[in-house]
Amino acid sequence: MTTEKENECPAQGLLKLLSGKWKPQIYLLAVDKPLRFNGLLRDLNGANKQSVAVALRELEDFGLLDKNVIKLKPLHIEYVLSEKGKSLIPVFRQLELFLEQ
């Protein structure tokens, strides 16, 4: 007997991974620079604290973002693409090329 996950298309899994209101935007912002929470709230027009916090947590749980705690006073937290997250950059580049056609 096969499980639902075994029947799932890889693209479908990626779509599940990045589904959500802010996750794709956060991921794409993280490609260019480390992210901080308040900066994300400014960059994501219309986002609220709770939805951004949930999206960051899920991206971190999926292994796409790493959370770095910078021990300064006051404490700073930055989110950067993990190695797994960086491996998706070519996929997004191909999607951009496809959509430009």
Protein backbone atom coordinates (compact mmCIF):
# COMPACT_ATOMS: atom_id res chain seq x y z
CA MET A 1 0.00 0.00 0.00
CA THR A 2 1.41 3.42 -0.95
CA THR A 3 1.07 6.47 1.23
CA GLU A 4 -0.27 9.82 0.10
CA LYS A 5 3.23 11.29 0.33
CA GLU A 6 4.62 8.63 -2.05
CA ASN A 7 1.97 9.59 -4.64
CA GLU A 8 2.65 13.31 -4.28
CA CYS A 9 4.32 15.15 -7.14
CA PRO A 10 7.53 16.95 -6.04
CA ALA A 11 6.13 20.25 -7.33
CA GLN A 12 3.04 19.73 -5.18
CA GLY A 13 5.26 19.28 -2.13
CA LEU A 14 7.13 22.50 -2.92
CA LEU A 15 3.86 24.36 -3.33
CA LYS A 16 2.69 23.12 0.06
CA LEU A 17 6.00 24.17 1.56
CA LEU A 18 5.71 27.71 0.25
CA SER A 19 1.95 28.14 0.41
CA GLY A 20 0.70 30.88 2.62
CA LYS A 21 0.20 34.58 2.37
CA TRP A 22 3.72 35.76 3.19
CA LYS A 23 6.07 32.77 2.82
CA PRO A 24 6.98 33.27 -0.87
CA GLN A 25 7.66 36.97 -0.34
CA ILE A 26 9.75 36.32 2.78
CA TYR A 27 11.73 33.64 0.96
CA LEU A 28 12.46 35.95 -1.97
CA LEU A 29 13.51 38.79 0.34
CA ALA A 30 15.87 36.40 2.15
CA VAL A 31 17.62 35.59 -1.15
CA ASP A 32 19.06 39.12 -1.19
CA LYS A 33 19.86 39.84 2.44
CA PRO A 34 19.47 38.73 6.05
CA LEU A 35 16.05 39.59 7.41
CA ARG A 36 14.93 41.13 10.65
CA PHE A 37 11.39 40.99 11.93
CA ASN A 38 10.62 44.72 11.98
CA GLY A 39 12.21 45.15 8.56
CA LEU A 40 9.91 42.46 7.22
CA LEU A 41 6.87 44.23 8.64
CA ARG A 42 7.94 47.35 6.72
CA ASP A 43 8.73 45.42 3.51
CA LEU A 44 5.55 43.34 3.53
CA ASN A 45 2.88 45.96 3.04
CA GLY A 46 -0.22 44.96 4.98
CA ALA A 47 1.40 42.16 7.00
CA ASN A 48 0.69 41.86 10.69
CA LYS A 49 3.05 40.63 13.40
CA GLN A 50 1.29 37.32 13.96
CA SER A 51 1.16 36.26 10.31
CA VAL A 52 4.83 37.17 9.75
CA ALA A 53 5.85 35.32 12.91
CA VAL A 54 3.95 32.20 11.80
CA ALA A 55 5.44 32.33 8.29
CA LEU A 56 8.98 32.73 9.66
CA ARG A 57 8.48 29.84 12.07
CA GLU A 58 7.16 27.58 9.30
CA LEU A 59 10.00 28.46 6.92
CA GLU A 60 12.44 27.74 9.73
CA ASP A 61 10.68 24.45 10.56
CA PHE A 62 10.85 23.42 6.89
CA GLY A 63 14.58 24.11 6.97
CA LEU A 64 14.53 26.95 4.44
CA LEU A 65 15.57 29.67 6.89
CA ASP A 66 18.11 29.69 9.68
CA LYS A 67 17.50 31.87 12.72
CA ASN A 68 20.65 33.60 13.96
CA VAL A 69 20.67 35.22 17.38
CA ILE A 70 23.17 38.08 17.55
CA LYS A 71 24.15 38.61 21.14
CA LEU A 72 24.29 42.38 21.23
CA LYS A 73 22.42 44.67 23.52
CA PRO A 74 19.63 44.78 22.60
CA LEU A 75 19.47 41.22 21.27
CA HIS A 76 19.08 40.95 17.48
CA ILE A 77 17.61 38.08 15.50
CA GLU A 78 18.27 37.65 11.80
CA TYR A 79 16.81 35.13 9.40
CA VAL A 80 18.99 33.91 6.53
CA LEU A 81 18.53 31.28 3.85
CA SER A 82 19.77 27.87 4.93
CA GLU A 83 21.70 25.64 2.54
CA LYS A 84 18.40 23.89 1.78
CA GLY A 85 16.79 27.26 1.12
CA LYS A 86 19.63 28.31 -1.18
CA SER A 87 19.14 25.13 -3.19
CA LEU A 88 15.71 26.44 -4.27
CA ILE A 89 17.06 29.65 -5.81
CA PRO A 90 17.49 28.04 -9.29
CA VAL A 91 13.88 26.82 -9.12
CA PHE A 92 12.64 30.36 -8.50
CA ARG A 93 14.90 31.70 -11.27
CA GLN A 94 13.34 29.21 -13.69
CA LEU A 95 9.85 30.24 -12.57
CA GLU A 96 10.75 33.88 -13.24
CA LEU A 97 11.98 32.99 -16.73
CA PHE A 98 8.85 30.97 -17.41
CA LEU A 99 6.57 33.81 -16.32
CA GLU A 100 8.46 36.31 -18.48
CA GLN A 101 7.62 34.33 -21.65
